[in-house]
Protein backbone atom coordinates (compact mmCIF):
# COMPACT_ATOMS: atom_id res chain seq x y z
CA MET A 1 0.00 0.00 0.00
CA LYS A 2 2.78 2.39 0.92
CA LYS A 3 4.63 1.57 -2.31
CA SER A 4 1.48 2.23 -4.35
CA LEU A 5 0.91 5.57 -2.62
CA LEU A 6 4.55 6.57 -3.17
CA PHE A 7 4.27 5.65 -6.85
CA ILE A 8 1.15 7.80 -7.27
CA ILE A 9 2.82 10.78 -5.57
CA MET A 10 5.91 10.42 -7.76
CA PHE A 11 3.77 10.12 -10.91
CA VAL A 12 1.73 13.24 -10.11
CA SER A 13 4.86 15.21 -9.16
CA LEU A 14 6.58 14.20 -12.38
CA HIS A 15 3.53 15.21 -14.43
CA LEU A 16 3.33 18.63 -12.77
CA TRP A 17 7.07 19.20 -13.12
CA SER A 18 7.11 18.25 -16.80
CA GLN A 19 4.11 20.38 -17.73
CA THR A 20 4.82 23.20 -20.19
CA LYS A 21 3.67 26.53 -18.78
CA GLY A 22 4.55 30.18 -19.01
CA LYS A 23 3.70 33.76 -19.95
CA VAL A 24 4.23 35.64 -23.20
CA THR A 25 4.19 39.43 -23.39
CA TYR A 26 3.26 40.67 -26.87
CA LEU A 27 3.59 44.17 -28.28
CA VAL A 28 0.62 44.89 -30.52
CA SER A 29 1.23 47.61 -33.12
CA LEU A 30 -0.24 49.17 -36.24
CA ASP A 31 2.08 49.72 -39.20
CA LYS A 32 1.49 53.33 -40.28
CA THR A 33 4.16 53.55 -42.99
CA GLU A 34 1.60 53.65 -45.83
CA LEU A 35 -1.27 55.13 -43.85
CA GLU A 36 -2.89 58.19 -45.37
CA ALA A 37 -2.88 61.32 -43.20
CA PRO A 38 -6.25 62.86 -42.28
CA TYR A 39 -7.36 65.78 -44.50
CA GLU A 40 -4.57 64.95 -46.96
CA ASN A 41 -7.07 64.02 -49.66
CA PRO A 42 -9.61 66.81 -50.33
CA ASP A 43 -12.08 64.21 -51.67
CA ASN A 44 -12.32 62.40 -48.34
CA SER A 45 -15.48 62.76 -46.29
CA GLU A 46 -15.38 64.14 -42.75
CA ALA A 47 -16.18 60.66 -41.42
CA LYS A 48 -13.22 59.15 -43.27
CA ASN A 49 -10.89 61.90 -42.04
CA LYS A 50 -11.97 61.22 -38.45
CA ALA A 51 -11.33 57.51 -38.96
CA LEU A 52 -7.89 58.25 -40.41
CA ASN A 53 -7.13 60.48 -37.44
CA ILE A 54 -7.97 57.66 -35.02
CA LEU A 55 -5.74 55.25 -36.96
CA ASN A 56 -2.84 57.73 -37.11
CA GLU A 57 -3.05 58.27 -33.36
CA ALA A 58 -3.13 54.54 -32.57
CA GLN A 59 -0.25 53.51 -30.32
CA PRO A 60 1.30 50.15 -29.38
CA VAL A 61 -0.06 48.25 -26.39
CA GLU A 62 1.06 45.21 -24.43
CA ALA A 63 -0.98 42.02 -24.28
CA TYR A 64 -0.40 38.89 -22.22
CA LEU A 65 -0.81 35.17 -22.82
CA ILE A 66 -0.63 32.85 -19.81
CA PHE A 67 -0.65 29.14 -20.58
CA ASN A 68 0.02 25.54 -19.65
CA ASP A 69 -0.18 22.41 -21.82
CA SER A 70 -3.89 22.71 -22.60
CA VAL A 71 -5.30 25.87 -21.00
CA ALA A 72 -4.54 29.52 -21.80
CA SER A 73 -5.86 33.01 -21.16
CA TYR A 74 -5.10 36.19 -23.10
CA TYR A 75 -5.86 39.79 -22.20
CA VAL A 76 -4.69 43.32 -23.01
CA GLN A 77 -3.09 45.84 -20.66
CA ASP A 78 -5.45 48.06 -18.70
CA LYS A 79 -6.91 50.77 -20.95
CA ASP A 80 -6.10 53.38 -18.29
CA ALA A 81 -2.40 52.61 -18.48
CA PRO A 82 -0.33 55.23 -20.35
CA MET A 83 0.38 54.30 -23.95
CA PHE A 84 3.86 54.55 -25.40
CA GLU A 85 5.39 54.96 -28.82
CA ASN A 86 8.90 54.21 -30.04
CA ASN A 87 10.22 56.66 -32.65
CA ASP A 88 13.75 55.73 -33.73
CA GLY A 89 14.60 54.60 -30.21
CA ALA A 90 12.95 57.56 -28.45
CA ILE A 91 10.10 56.41 -26.19
CA SER A 92 7.29 58.93 -25.74
CA ILE A 93 4.47 58.58 -23.20
CA THR A 94 1.07 60.04 -24.02
CA PRO A 95 -2.22 60.25 -22.12
CA THR A 96 -4.82 57.59 -22.81
CA GLY A 97 -7.69 58.22 -25.19
CA ILE A 98 -9.29 56.34 -28.07
CA ASN A 99 -6.59 53.87 -29.04
CA PHE A 100 -7.63 51.68 -31.95
CA THR A 101 -4.68 49.35 -31.40
CA TRP A 102 -5.93 48.63 -27.86
CA ILE A 103 -9.36 47.79 -29.26
CA ARG A 104 -7.93 45.61 -32.06
CA ALA A 105 -5.61 43.81 -29.63
CA GLY A 106 -8.63 42.65 -27.65
CA GLY A 107 -9.70 45.62 -25.55
CA GLU A 108 -11.75 44.60 -22.54
CA ARG A 109 -12.37 41.11 -23.86
CA TYR A 110 -10.95 38.06 -22.10
CA PHE A 111 -9.83 35.12 -24.25
CA TYR A 112 -9.86 31.58 -22.90
CA THR A 113 -8.80 28.27 -24.45
CA ASP A 114 -8.93 24.69 -23.21
CA TRP A 115 -7.58 22.28 -25.81
CA SER A 116 -8.44 19.24 -23.69
CA ARG A 117 -12.04 19.80 -24.87
CA ASP A 118 -11.49 21.96 -27.98
CA TYR A 119 -12.98 24.96 -26.22
CA ASN A 120 -11.94 28.35 -27.59
CA ILE A 121 -13.91 31.47 -26.56
CA SER A 122 -13.76 35.18 -25.75
CA THR A 123 -15.99 37.25 -23.48
CA PHE A 124 -17.58 40.61 -24.26
CA ASP A 125 -20.57 42.79 -23.49
CA LEU A 126 -23.42 43.12 -26.00
CA ILE A 127 -26.02 45.74 -25.12
CA GLY A 128 -25.16 45.39 -21.45
CA LYS A 129 -25.26 41.59 -21.42
CA LYS A 130 -22.28 39.25 -21.07
CA LYS A 131 -21.64 36.88 -23.96
CA ARG A 132 -19.12 34.14 -24.61
CA LEU A 133 -18.18 34.03 -28.28
CA ILE A 134 -17.05 30.70 -29.73
CA ALA A 135 -13.97 31.23 -31.92
CA GLN A 136 -13.80 29.85 -35.42
CA ASP A 137 -11.08 27.33 -36.20
CA ILE A 138 -8.28 28.52 -38.46
CA ASP A 139 -7.21 26.36 -41.41
CA TRP A 140 -3.44 26.87 -41.31
CA MET A 141 -1.02 26.23 -44.16
CA ILE A 142 2.39 25.47 -42.65
CA THR A 143 5.30 26.53 -44.86
CA GLU A 144 8.98 25.60 -44.89
CA GLU A 145 10.11 29.15 -44.01
CA GLU A 146 11.98 29.47 -40.72
CA LYS A 147 13.51 32.23 -38.62
CA LYS A 148 14.70 32.79 -35.04
CA ILE A 149 12.52 34.78 -32.60
CA ASN A 150 13.80 35.39 -29.07
CA GLY A 151 16.19 32.49 -29.52
CA TYR A 152 13.47 30.05 -30.64
CA LEU A 153 13.40 28.47 -34.09
CA CYS A 154 10.05 29.43 -35.61
CA ILE A 155 8.09 28.23 -38.64
CA LYS A 156 5.81 30.35 -40.80
CA ALA A 157 2.12 29.47 -41.18
CA VAL A 158 -0.54 31.25 -43.26
CA ASP A 159 -4.29 31.40 -42.73
CA SER A 160 -5.66 29.63 -45.84
CA SER A 161 -8.70 31.92 -45.87
CA ASN A 162 -6.63 35.13 -45.68
CA GLU A 163 -3.01 35.20 -46.83
CA LYS A 164 -2.42 38.49 -44.96
CA ARG A 165 -2.82 36.63 -41.65
CA ILE A 166 0.58 35.12 -40.92
CA ALA A 167 1.83 33.35 -37.78
CA TRP A 168 5.29 32.31 -36.69
CA PHE A 169 5.27 29.42 -34.19
CA THR A 170 7.90 27.37 -32.40
CA LYS A 171 7.83 23.64 -31.77
CA ASP A 172 10.38 24.27 -29.02
CA ILE A 173 7.36 25.16 -26.85
CA PRO A 174 4.87 22.44 -27.88
CA VAL A 175 1.56 24.08 -27.00
CA LYS A 176 -1.21 25.13 -29.41
CA HIS A 177 -1.65 28.64 -27.98
CA GLY A 178 -1.30 32.16 -29.37
CA PRO A 179 -2.62 35.73 -28.97
CA ARG A 180 -6.39 36.34 -28.95
CA ASN A 181 -8.00 33.20 -30.40
CA ILE A 182 -5.19 32.87 -32.94
CA ASN A 183 -4.01 29.33 -32.20
CA GLY A 184 -4.22 25.69 -33.21
CA LEU A 185 -0.67 25.28 -34.54
CA PRO A 186 1.74 22.58 -33.23
CA GLY A 187 3.73 25.14 -31.25
CA LEU A 188 3.46 28.46 -29.42
CA ILE A 189 2.85 31.49 -31.67
CA LEU A 190 5.50 34.17 -31.07
CA GLU A 191 4.54 36.50 -33.91
CA PHE A 192 1.27 37.12 -35.71
CA TYR A 193 0.53 39.57 -38.52
CA ASP A 194 -3.03 40.52 -39.44
CA ASN A 195 -2.75 42.86 -42.41
CA LYS A 196 -1.22 46.03 -40.87
CA PHE A 197 -1.43 44.87 -37.25
CA SER A 198 1.33 42.85 -35.60
CA TYR A 199 1.56 40.86 -32.37
CA ILE A 200 5.24 40.37 -31.53
CA ALA A 201 6.51 38.50 -28.48
CA GLN A 202 8.72 40.74 -26.34
CA SER A 203 9.40 38.10 -23.71
CA VAL A 204 8.69 34.44 -22.95
CA GLU A 205 8.73 33.48 -19.28
CA LEU A 206 8.52 29.72 -18.76
CA ASN A 207 7.27 28.31 -15.43
CA HIS A 208 5.46 31.59 -14.70
CA LYS A 209 3.43 31.54 -11.48
CA GLY A 210 0.47 33.26 -13.13
CA VAL A 211 -0.59 29.93 -14.66
CA ALA A 212 -2.32 29.04 -11.39
CA GLU A 213 -4.58 32.08 -11.85
CA ILE A 214 -6.09 31.02 -15.20
CA LYS A 215 -9.84 30.96 -14.69
CA GLU A 216 -12.55 29.87 -17.06
CA PRO A 217 -15.24 32.53 -17.60
CA MET A 218 -18.68 31.08 -16.87
CA GLU A 219 -20.96 34.12 -17.16
CA GLY A 220 -22.91 34.79 -20.34
CA ASP A 221 -24.58 32.82 -23.10
CA LEU A 222 -22.41 30.88 -25.54
CA ILE A 223 -22.89 32.18 -29.07
CA THR A 224 -21.35 31.52 -32.48
CA GLN A 225 -20.01 34.05 -34.97
CA GLU A 226 -23.16 33.62 -37.06
CA GLU A 227 -25.39 34.28 -34.05
CA LEU A 228 -23.35 37.38 -33.20
CA LYS A 229 -23.94 38.80 -36.69
CA LYS A 230 -27.68 38.31 -36.30
CA LEU A 231 -27.69 39.94 -32.84
CA SER A 232 -25.53 42.95 -33.67
CA GLY A 233 -25.90 43.40 -37.43
CA ASN A 234 -23.12 45.00 -39.46
CA PRO A 235 -22.71 48.70 -38.55
CA PHE A 236 -20.15 49.19 -41.34
CA GLY A 237 -22.36 48.07 -44.22
CA LYS A 238 -21.32 45.60 -46.90
CA ASP A 239 -17.66 46.68 -46.87
């Protein structure tokens, strides 16, 4: 009996010790190199100029992924935190305001994944009610391109439904996690590019204590992307 109990304790301890876990800090940014300045084009409407102004004022934000073998949570830095911008090595701090990058990075939403049951959701408020949105699976095309990121050998993968969505993942950290609900590859995603937006890992902390704090959100109805479209409509029209 004692030998059996000792074996069980050793097995559980070994499993916990060997579990992959950690925290990734991403910097989420908007590439403005080809972005039109507001009021530059006299043919633009006032609405478009205001939209361009918001995009031009967008600043990088930090976002965090905490994970173990199967479970992960992702969230963005507090919106009240000061935003910063790096211009040729000079860091400038500006007051908070409407920051489109913060919204695009995830905003107030909380992203949760549990691969042990193929459960991939994010939480948000819709007309004052909590909802849990089921993420759509991504059909990845894994290429033969490789590069080093933070010392890890990474492989390029492309979203087959949108070639402008590109991920770089590493098999050195064999978990299927990534920023937001961008995941499902055979390795941790360290960089992700979605058109002009980028999510770039600034640090990878393995064995991070925050893993114990990952909690599954339980409040709110579970809805699909199709159900969300019916509930909210499309405020931007056909485009």
